């Protein structure tokens, strides 16, 4: 089960937006003791919702374009996009949780279109290398 803070962190979505999506029925969950909890199925359905997928893709593209045009870039910063075919839910959750262990990730997004999962990452070079190694271990 995932909590509201887990979703905020993994998806880079503000709490207010997630609560609005719950109210609108885009995100299903269970309230236990005043705390929202979300199953893997709830999260998968939410991520696959057309509006969420489209807004996440627009956000990712915007951040990439800013970086490529020299905005919001710093020394030692790396941006990469990695496509992985047939990434199951368990492995995608493990990849999402790796970001929490990094020192200074600036941006992370993972989206899925058909059989292809696309990971977009922006951060310092050290974190990028660690993250890529961890992804490789998970997807072997």
C-alpha atoms as a PDB file:
ATOM      1  CA  UNK A   1       0.000   0.000   0.000  1.00  0.00           C
ATOM      2  CA  UNK A   2       1.134   3.516  -0.760  1.00  0.00           C
ATOM      3  CA  UNK A   3       0.388   6.690   1.160  1.00  0.00           C
ATOM      4  CA  UNK A   4      -0.387  10.136  -0.189  1.00  0.00           C
ATOM      5  CA  UNK A   5       3.207  11.316   0.405  1.00  0.00           C
ATOM      6  CA  UNK A   6       4.526   8.329  -1.584  1.00  0.00           C
ATOM      7  CA  UNK A   7       2.418   9.355  -4.583  1.00  0.00           C
ATOM      8  CA  UNK A   8       3.489  12.992  -4.290  1.00  0.00           C
ATOM      9  CA  UNK A   9       7.137  11.967  -4.293  1.00  0.00           C
ATOM     10  CA  UNK A  10       6.974   9.292  -6.993  1.00  0.00           C
ATOM     11  CA  UNK A  11       4.843  11.274  -9.415  1.00  0.00           C
ATOM     12  CA  UNK A  12       6.036  14.798  -8.638  1.00  0.00           C
ATOM     13  CA  UNK A  13       2.430  15.931  -8.146  1.00  0.00           C
ATOM     14  CA  UNK A  14       1.358  18.353  -5.398  1.00  0.00           C
ATOM     15  CA  UNK A  15      -0.919  17.116  -2.609  1.00  0.00           C
ATOM     16  CA  UNK A  16      -3.664  19.508  -3.644  1.00  0.00           C
ATOM     17  CA  UNK A  17      -3.739  18.020  -7.159  1.00  0.00           C
ATOM     18  CA  UNK A  18      -3.848  14.447  -5.857  1.00  0.00           C
ATOM     19  CA  UNK A  19      -6.706  15.317  -3.486  1.00  0.00           C
ATOM     20  CA  UNK A  20      -8.586  16.952  -6.374  1.00  0.00           C
ATOM     21  CA  UNK A  21      -8.070  13.830  -8.498  1.00  0.00           C
ATOM     22  CA  UNK A  22      -9.449  11.680  -5.663  1.00  0.00           C
ATOM     23  CA  UNK A  23     -12.499  13.942  -5.433  1.00  0.00           C
ATOM     24  CA  UNK A  24     -12.995  13.840  -9.234  1.00  0.00           C
ATOM     25  CA  UNK A  25     -12.703  10.035  -9.265  1.00  0.00           C
ATOM     26  CA  UNK A  26      -9.513   9.903 -11.338  1.00  0.00           C
ATOM     27  CA  UNK A  27      -7.676   8.303  -8.398  1.00  0.00           C
ATOM     28  CA  UNK A  28      -9.237   5.611  -6.250  1.00  0.00           C
ATOM     29  CA  UNK A  29      -8.021   4.881  -2.754  1.00  0.00           C
ATOM     30  CA  UNK A  30      -9.078   3.889   0.736  1.00  0.00           C
ATOM     31  CA  UNK A  31      -9.108   6.151   3.744  1.00  0.00           C
ATOM     32  CA  UNK A  32      -7.846   4.299   6.821  1.00  0.00           C
ATOM     33  CA  UNK A  33      -7.774   6.201  10.101  1.00  0.00           C
ATOM     34  CA  UNK A  34      -7.892   9.538   8.296  1.00  0.00           C
ATOM     35  CA  UNK A  35      -4.975   8.630   5.998  1.00  0.00           C
ATOM     36  CA  UNK A  36      -5.350   7.883   2.303  1.00  0.00           C
ATOM     37  CA  UNK A  37      -3.904   4.549   1.164  1.00  0.00           C
ATOM     38  CA  UNK A  38      -3.534   3.360  -2.411  1.00  0.00           C
ATOM     39  CA  UNK A  39      -3.067  -0.162  -3.722  1.00  0.00           C
ATOM     40  CA  UNK A  40      -0.831  -1.080  -6.658  1.00  0.00           C
ATOM     41  CA  UNK A  41      -3.968  -1.393  -8.782  1.00  0.00           C
ATOM     42  CA  UNK A  42      -5.160   2.094  -7.709  1.00  0.00           C
ATOM     43  CA  UNK A  43      -1.791   3.568  -8.642  1.00  0.00           C
ATOM     44  CA  UNK A  44      -1.571   1.711 -11.965  1.00  0.00           C
ATOM     45  CA  UNK A  45      -5.049   2.860 -12.988  1.00  0.00           C
ATOM     46  CA  UNK A  46      -4.195   6.430 -12.005  1.00  0.00           C
ATOM     47  CA  UNK A  47      -0.896   6.481 -13.900  1.00  0.00           C
ATOM     48  CA  UNK A  48      -2.598   4.996 -16.961  1.00  0.00           C
ATOM     49  CA  UNK A  49      -5.422   7.552 -16.870  1.00  0.00           C
ATOM     50  CA  UNK A  50      -5.179   9.532 -20.127  1.00  0.00           C
ATOM     51  CA  UNK A  51      -5.242  12.988 -18.470  1.00  0.00           C
ATOM     52  CA  UNK A  52      -2.458  12.089 -16.012  1.00  0.00           C
ATOM     53  CA  UNK A  53      -0.273  10.511 -18.679  1.00  0.00           C
ATOM     54  CA  UNK A  54      -0.680  13.526 -20.948  1.00  0.00           C
ATOM     55  CA  UNK A  55       0.074  16.095 -18.222  1.00  0.00           C
ATOM     56  CA  UNK A  56       3.138  14.157 -17.024  1.00  0.00           C
ATOM     57  CA  UNK A  57       4.433  13.949 -20.592  1.00  0.00           C
ATOM     58  CA  UNK A  58       3.948  17.692 -21.103  1.00  0.00           C
ATOM     59  CA  UNK A  59       5.747  18.452 -17.837  1.00  0.00           C
ATOM     60  CA  UNK A  60       8.647  16.167 -18.765  1.00  0.00           C
ATOM     61  CA  UNK A  61       8.983  17.679 -22.221  1.00  0.00           C
ATOM     62  CA  UNK A  62       8.883  21.205 -20.806  1.00  0.00           C
ATOM     63  CA  UNK A  63      11.675  20.450 -18.309  1.00  0.00           C
ATOM     64  CA  UNK A  64      13.800  18.776 -20.980  1.00  0.00           C
ATOM     65  CA  UNK A  65      13.368  21.693 -23.378  1.00  0.00           C
ATOM     66  CA  UNK A  66      14.305  24.187 -20.624  1.00  0.00           C
ATOM     67  CA  UNK A  67      17.486  22.220 -19.991  1.00  0.00           C
ATOM     68  CA  UNK A  68      18.352  21.900 -23.679  1.00  0.00           C
ATOM     69  CA  UNK A  69      17.903  25.650 -24.140  1.00  0.00           C
ATOM     70  CA  UNK A  70      20.223  26.441 -21.235  1.00  0.00           C
ATOM     71  CA  UNK A  71      17.561  27.382 -18.691  1.00  0.00           C
ATOM     72  CA  UNK A  72      17.730  25.924 -15.202  1.00  0.00           C
ATOM     73  CA  UNK A  73      21.004  24.169 -15.917  1.00  0.00           C
ATOM     74  CA  UNK A  74      23.997  24.055 -13.604  1.00  0.00           C
ATOM     75  CA  UNK A  75      27.497  22.614 -13.672  1.00  0.00           C
ATOM     76  CA  UNK A  76      27.695  18.846 -13.318  1.00  0.00           C
ATOM     77  CA  UNK A  77      24.028  18.415 -14.288  1.00  0.00           C
ATOM     78  CA  UNK A  78      22.839  15.494 -16.393  1.00  0.00           C
ATOM     79  CA  UNK A  79      19.569  14.830 -18.191  1.00  0.00           C
ATOM     80  CA  UNK A  80      18.780  11.446 -19.660  1.00  0.00           C
ATOM     81  CA  UNK A  81      15.847   9.627 -21.163  1.00  0.00           C
ATOM     82  CA  UNK A  82      15.813   5.841 -21.041  1.00  0.00           C
ATOM     83  CA  UNK A  83      13.247   3.570 -22.675  1.00  0.00           C
ATOM     84  CA  UNK A  84      12.656   0.113 -21.215  1.00  0.00           C
ATOM     85  CA  UNK A  85      10.437  -2.465 -22.878  1.00  0.00           C
ATOM     86  CA  UNK A  86       8.021  -4.680 -20.893  1.00  0.00           C
ATOM     87  CA  UNK A  87       8.742  -3.174 -17.476  1.00  0.00           C
ATOM     88  CA  UNK A  88       6.358  -4.762 -14.980  1.00  0.00           C
ATOM     89  CA  UNK A  89       4.694  -2.890 -12.132  1.00  0.00           C
ATOM     90  CA  UNK A  90       6.950  -4.267  -9.390  1.00  0.00           C
ATOM     91  CA  UNK A  91      10.124  -3.217 -11.204  1.00  0.00           C
ATOM     92  CA  UNK A  92       8.720   0.226 -12.036  1.00  0.00           C
ATOM     93  CA  UNK A  93       7.932   0.788  -8.328  1.00  0.00           C
ATOM     94  CA  UNK A  94      11.479  -0.259  -7.368  1.00  0.00           C
ATOM     95  CA  UNK A  95      12.867   2.229  -9.891  1.00  0.00           C
ATOM     96  CA  UNK A  96      10.621   4.996  -8.536  1.00  0.00           C
ATOM     97  CA  UNK A  97      11.780   4.322  -4.987  1.00  0.00           C
ATOM     98  CA  UNK A  98      15.469   4.537  -5.965  1.00  0.00           C
ATOM     99  CA  UNK A  99      15.007   8.262  -6.548  1.00  0.00           C
ATOM    100  CA  UNK A 100      14.244   8.714  -2.827  1.00  0.00           C
ATOM    101  CA  UNK A 101      17.701   7.341  -1.968  1.00  0.00           C
ATOM    102  CA  UNK A 102      19.571   9.830  -4.159  1.00  0.00           C
ATOM    103  CA  UNK A 103      21.156  12.943  -2.680  1.00  0.00           C
ATOM    104  CA  UNK A 104      19.982  15.646  -5.075  1.00  0.00           C
ATOM    105  CA  UNK A 105      17.580  14.494  -7.786  1.00  0.00           C
ATOM    106  CA  UNK A 106      16.132  17.549  -9.515  1.00  0.00           C
ATOM    107  CA  UNK A 107      13.545  15.813 -11.671  1.00  0.00           C
ATOM    108  CA  UNK A 108      12.256  12.308 -12.275  1.00  0.00           C
ATOM    109  CA  UNK A 109       9.372  11.050 -14.370  1.00  0.00           C
ATOM    110  CA  UNK A 110       8.335   7.616 -15.545  1.00  0.00           C
ATOM    111  CA  UNK A 111       5.563   7.118 -18.067  1.00  0.00           C
ATOM    112  CA  UNK A 112       4.344   4.140 -20.034  1.00  0.00           C
ATOM    113  CA  UNK A 113       3.003   3.990 -23.567  1.00  0.00           C
ATOM    114  CA  UNK A 114       2.104   0.512 -24.711  1.00  0.00           C
ATOM    115  CA  UNK A 115       4.982  -1.821 -23.864  1.00  0.00           C
ATOM    116  CA  UNK A 116       7.560   0.972 -23.501  1.00  0.00           C
ATOM    117  CA  UNK A 117       8.296   2.682 -20.180  1.00  0.00           C
ATOM    118  CA  UNK A 118      10.142   5.977 -20.532  1.00  0.00           C
ATOM    119  CA  UNK A 119      12.262   7.301 -17.669  1.00  0.00           C
ATOM    120  CA  UNK A 120      13.289  10.945 -17.676  1.00  0.00           C
ATOM    121  CA  UNK A 121      15.874  12.041 -15.125  1.00  0.00           C
ATOM    122  CA  UNK A 122      17.605  15.315 -14.325  1.00  0.00           C
ATOM    123  CA  UNK A 123      20.186  15.576 -11.575  1.00  0.00           C
ATOM    124  CA  UNK A 124      23.866  15.684 -10.819  1.00  0.00           C
ATOM    125  CA  UNK A 125      26.258  13.354 -12.584  1.00  0.00           C
ATOM    126  CA  UNK A 126      26.930  11.192  -9.520  1.00  0.00           C
ATOM    127  CA  UNK A 127      23.211  10.560  -8.893  1.00  0.00           C
ATOM    128  CA  UNK A 128      22.626   9.855 -12.592  1.00  0.00           C
ATOM    129  CA  UNK A 129      25.347   7.190 -12.641  1.00  0.00           C
ATOM    130  CA  UNK A 130      24.021   5.549  -9.455  1.00  0.00           C
ATOM    131  CA  UNK A 131      20.489   5.657 -10.812  1.00  0.00           C
ATOM    132  CA  UNK A 132      21.480   4.102 -14.157  1.00  0.00           C
ATOM    133  CA  UNK A 133      23.388   1.299 -12.374  1.00  0.00           C
ATOM    134  CA  UNK A 134      20.368   0.569 -10.167  1.00  0.00           C
ATOM    135  CA  UNK A 135      18.003   0.551 -13.152  1.00  0.00           C
ATOM    136  CA  UNK A 136      20.298  -1.894 -14.919  1.00  0.00           C
ATOM    137  CA  UNK A 137      20.299  -4.224 -11.870  1.00  0.00           C
ATOM    138  CA  UNK A 138      16.508  -4.138 -11.616  1.00  0.00           C
ATOM    139  CA  UNK A 139      15.899  -4.763 -15.301  1.00  0.00           C
ATOM    140  CA  UNK A 140      18.384  -7.617 -15.803  1.00  0.00           C
END
